[in-house]
Amino acid sequence: MEAGNIVDIVERDNHAVLYPRGYLNGPLGEKIDSMCADLIHKGKNRILINFSQTETMNTMGVASLVSILEKVARRKGEICFSNVLSTNRQILDVLDISRAVLIFESEEDASRHFQATM
């Protein structure tokens, strides 16, 4: 993995939050995908990815996000994004991924959504 590309994770009662840092490229995307697969395997199928520390993303990183969306959907789960920087939001919009996932301005907003939909 490239220096600076790290993913922290916090498991909450009704969902898990991933905090990727760095450039969302192939290696970081694969790390996020693997961590989400582990969460789903453990029964945590409600996942929030907080992108506040993600500088930018490329097509390989976005491909990993699509893979995660598919895994979560197969388990009848839900994935949300929060704190997406405007340049990254434009990428998600152009690729039409923003239509497949709820995107919240803040982690708190996404957490309230998960609480309300339990």
C-alpha atoms as a PDB file:
ATOM      1  CA  MET A   1       0.000   0.000   0.000  1.00  0.00           C
ATOM      2  CA  GLU A   2       1.270   3.485  -0.777  1.00  0.00           C
ATOM      3  CA  ALA A   3       2.475   5.626   2.115  1.00  0.00           C
ATOM      4  CA  GLY A   4      -0.384   7.634   3.602  1.00  0.00           C
ATOM      5  CA  ASN A   5      -3.100   5.257   2.414  1.00  0.00           C
ATOM      6  CA  ILE A   6      -4.620   3.967   5.625  1.00  0.00           C
ATOM      7  CA  VAL A   7      -8.111   2.932   6.694  1.00  0.00           C
ATOM      8  CA  ASP A   8      -9.318   3.202  10.272  1.00  0.00           C
ATOM      9  CA  ILE A   9     -12.529   1.522  11.356  1.00  0.00           C
ATOM     10  CA  VAL A  10     -14.969   2.027  14.213  1.00  0.00           C
ATOM     11  CA  GLU A  11     -17.752  -0.474  14.841  1.00  0.00           C
ATOM     12  CA  ARG A  12     -20.885   1.043  16.344  1.00  0.00           C
ATOM     13  CA  ASP A  13     -24.010  -0.713  17.605  1.00  0.00           C
ATOM     14  CA  ASN A  14     -25.924  -0.606  14.333  1.00  0.00           C
ATOM     15  CA  HIS A  15     -23.219   0.150  11.731  1.00  0.00           C
ATOM     16  CA  ALA A  16     -19.502   0.403  11.069  1.00  0.00           C
ATOM     17  CA  VAL A  17     -17.609   3.501   9.960  1.00  0.00           C
ATOM     18  CA  LEU A  18     -14.530   3.380   7.757  1.00  0.00           C
ATOM     19  CA  TYR A  19     -12.141   6.326   7.559  1.00  0.00           C
ATOM     20  CA  PRO A  20      -9.893   6.017   4.503  1.00  0.00           C
ATOM     21  CA  ARG A  21      -6.990   8.473   4.317  1.00  0.00           C
ATOM     22  CA  GLY A  22      -5.008   9.390   1.263  1.00  0.00           C
ATOM     23  CA  TYR A  23      -5.515   8.832  -2.434  1.00  0.00           C
ATOM     24  CA  LEU A  24      -8.386   6.451  -3.214  1.00  0.00           C
ATOM     25  CA  ASN A  25      -6.623   4.392  -5.858  1.00  0.00           C
ATOM     26  CA  GLY A  26      -6.336   0.660  -6.469  1.00  0.00           C
ATOM     27  CA  PRO A  27      -4.442  -0.278  -3.269  1.00  0.00           C
ATOM     28  CA  LEU A  28      -6.562   1.834  -0.925  1.00  0.00           C
ATOM     29  CA  GLY A  29      -9.753   0.743  -2.705  1.00  0.00           C
ATOM     30  CA  GLU A  30      -8.776  -2.905  -2.306  1.00  0.00           C
ATOM     31  CA  LYS A  31      -8.111  -2.321   1.406  1.00  0.00           C
ATOM     32  CA  ILE A  32     -11.554  -0.733   1.881  1.00  0.00           C
ATOM     33  CA  ASP A  33     -13.190  -3.532  -0.128  1.00  0.00           C
ATOM     34  CA  SER A  34     -11.458  -6.185   1.978  1.00  0.00           C
ATOM     35  CA  MET A  35     -12.426  -4.493   5.244  1.00  0.00           C
ATOM     36  CA  CYS A  36     -16.055  -4.228   4.121  1.00  0.00           C
ATOM     37  CA  ALA A  37     -16.077  -7.900   3.133  1.00  0.00           C
ATOM     38  CA  ASP A  38     -14.803  -8.775   6.632  1.00  0.00           C
ATOM     39  CA  LEU A  39     -17.512  -6.626   8.236  1.00  0.00           C
ATOM     40  CA  ILE A  40     -20.224  -8.230   6.115  1.00  0.00           C
ATOM     41  CA  HIS A  41     -18.903 -11.682   6.995  1.00  0.00           C
ATOM     42  CA  LYS A  42     -19.243 -10.718  10.685  1.00  0.00           C
ATOM     43  CA  GLY A  43     -22.858  -9.633  10.116  1.00  0.00           C
ATOM     44  CA  LYS A  44     -22.249  -5.870   9.928  1.00  0.00           C
ATOM     45  CA  ASN A  45     -23.988  -5.020   6.668  1.00  0.00           C
ATOM     46  CA  ARG A  46     -24.655  -1.342   7.393  1.00  0.00           C
ATOM     47  CA  ILE A  47     -21.528   0.557   6.500  1.00  0.00           C
ATOM     48  CA  LEU A  48     -20.610   4.227   6.387  1.00  0.00           C
ATOM     49  CA  ILE A  49     -17.491   5.426   4.608  1.00  0.00           C
ATOM     50  CA  ASN A  50     -16.348   8.846   5.841  1.00  0.00           C
ATOM     51  CA  PHE A  51     -14.284  10.417   3.051  1.00  0.00           C
ATOM     52  CA  SER A  52     -13.178  13.539   4.952  1.00  0.00           C
ATOM     53  CA  GLN A  53      -9.514  12.479   4.725  1.00  0.00           C
ATOM     54  CA  THR A  54      -9.643  11.192   1.143  1.00  0.00           C
ATOM     55  CA  GLU A  55      -7.869  13.666  -1.101  1.00  0.00           C
ATOM     56  CA  THR A  56      -8.969  12.383  -4.488  1.00  0.00           C
ATOM     57  CA  MET A  57      -9.935   9.154  -6.222  1.00  0.00           C
ATOM     58  CA  ASN A  58      -9.231   7.436  -9.520  1.00  0.00           C
ATOM     59  CA  THR A  59     -11.128   4.831 -11.520  1.00  0.00           C
ATOM     60  CA  MET A  60      -9.505   1.918  -9.683  1.00  0.00           C
ATOM     61  CA  GLY A  61     -10.655   3.333  -6.343  1.00  0.00           C
ATOM     62  CA  VAL A  62     -14.136   3.932  -7.702  1.00  0.00           C
ATOM     63  CA  ALA A  63     -14.233   0.353  -9.035  1.00  0.00           C
ATOM     64  CA  SER A  64     -13.624  -0.854  -5.482  1.00  0.00           C
ATOM     65  CA  LEU A  65     -16.536   1.269  -4.262  1.00  0.00           C
ATOM     66  CA  VAL A  66     -18.787  -0.376  -6.859  1.00  0.00           C
ATOM     67  CA  SER A  67     -17.613  -3.791  -5.645  1.00  0.00           C
ATOM     68  CA  ILE A  68     -18.514  -2.824  -2.078  1.00  0.00           C
ATOM     69  CA  LEU A  69     -21.955  -1.602  -3.183  1.00  0.00           C
ATOM     70  CA  GLU A  70     -22.593  -4.974  -4.815  1.00  0.00           C
ATOM     71  CA  LYS A  71     -21.453  -6.957  -1.751  1.00  0.00           C
ATOM     72  CA  VAL A  72     -23.622  -4.929   0.610  1.00  0.00           C
ATOM     73  CA  ALA A  73     -26.645  -5.180  -1.696  1.00  0.00           C
ATOM     74  CA  ARG A  74     -26.307  -8.980  -1.887  1.00  0.00           C
ATOM     75  CA  ARG A  75     -26.525  -9.085   1.924  1.00  0.00           C
ATOM     76  CA  LYS A  76     -29.547  -6.753   1.965  1.00  0.00           C
ATOM     77  CA  GLY A  77     -27.437  -4.167   3.756  1.00  0.00           C
ATOM     78  CA  GLU A  78     -26.908  -0.474   3.269  1.00  0.00           C
ATOM     79  CA  ILE A  79     -23.876   1.643   2.558  1.00  0.00           C
ATOM     80  CA  CYS A  80     -23.652   5.401   2.886  1.00  0.00           C
ATOM     81  CA  PHE A  81     -20.911   7.919   2.228  1.00  0.00           C
ATOM     82  CA  SER A  82     -20.231  11.082   4.187  1.00  0.00           C
ATOM     83  CA  ASN A  83     -17.898  14.065   4.142  1.00  0.00           C
ATOM     84  CA  VAL A  84     -17.211  13.711   0.419  1.00  0.00           C
ATOM     85  CA  LEU A  85     -15.000  16.545  -0.824  1.00  0.00           C
ATOM     86  CA  SER A  86     -16.490  18.498  -3.726  1.00  0.00           C
ATOM     87  CA  THR A  87     -13.983  17.190  -6.297  1.00  0.00           C
ATOM     88  CA  ASN A  88     -14.701  13.600  -5.256  1.00  0.00           C
ATOM     89  CA  ARG A  89     -18.445  14.283  -5.296  1.00  0.00           C
ATOM     90  CA  GLN A  90     -18.104  15.473  -8.883  1.00  0.00           C
ATOM     91  CA  ILE A  91     -16.385  12.199  -9.793  1.00  0.00           C
ATOM     92  CA  LEU A  92     -19.163  10.173  -8.137  1.00  0.00           C
ATOM     93  CA  ASP A  93     -21.786  12.300  -9.911  1.00  0.00           C
ATOM     94  CA  VAL A  94     -20.171  11.980 -13.340  1.00  0.00           C
ATOM     95  CA  LEU A  95     -19.920   8.199 -12.940  1.00  0.00           C
ATOM     96  CA  ASP A  96     -23.541   8.106 -11.656  1.00  0.00           C
ATOM     97  CA  ILE A  97     -22.510   6.346  -8.440  1.00  0.00           C
ATOM     98  CA  SER A  98     -24.168   9.054  -6.379  1.00  0.00           C
ATOM     99  CA  ARG A  99     -27.520   7.651  -7.567  1.00  0.00           C
ATOM    100  CA  ALA A 100     -26.733   4.245  -6.043  1.00  0.00           C
ATOM    101  CA  VAL A 101     -25.697   5.354  -2.562  1.00  0.00           C
ATOM    102  CA  LEU A 102     -26.877   7.908  -0.025  1.00  0.00           C
ATOM    103  CA  ILE A 103     -24.311  10.656   0.461  1.00  0.00           C
ATOM    104  CA  PHE A 104     -24.488  12.762   3.616  1.00  0.00           C
ATOM    105  CA  GLU A 105     -22.762  16.044   4.387  1.00  0.00           C
ATOM    106  CA  SER A 106     -21.550  14.778   7.763  1.00  0.00           C
ATOM    107  CA  GLU A 107     -20.963  11.537   9.621  1.00  0.00           C
ATOM    108  CA  GLU A 108     -23.501  12.679  12.215  1.00  0.00           C
ATOM    109  CA  ASP A 109     -26.200  12.996   9.538  1.00  0.00           C
ATOM    110  CA  ALA A 110     -25.419   9.496   8.251  1.00  0.00           C
ATOM    111  CA  SER A 111     -25.439   8.057  11.781  1.00  0.00           C
ATOM    112  CA  ARG A 112     -28.858   9.624  12.414  1.00  0.00           C
ATOM    113  CA  HIS A 113     -30.061   7.983   9.187  1.00  0.00           C
ATOM    114  CA  PHE A 114     -28.860   4.577  10.385  1.00  0.00           C
ATOM    115  CA  GLN A 115     -30.581   5.116  13.764  1.00  0.00           C
ATOM    116  CA  ALA A 116     -33.849   6.133  12.096  1.00  0.00           C
ATOM    117  CA  THR A 117     -33.894   3.115   9.782  1.00  0.00           C
ATOM    118  CA  MET A 118     -33.238   0.403  12.335  1.00  0.00           C
END
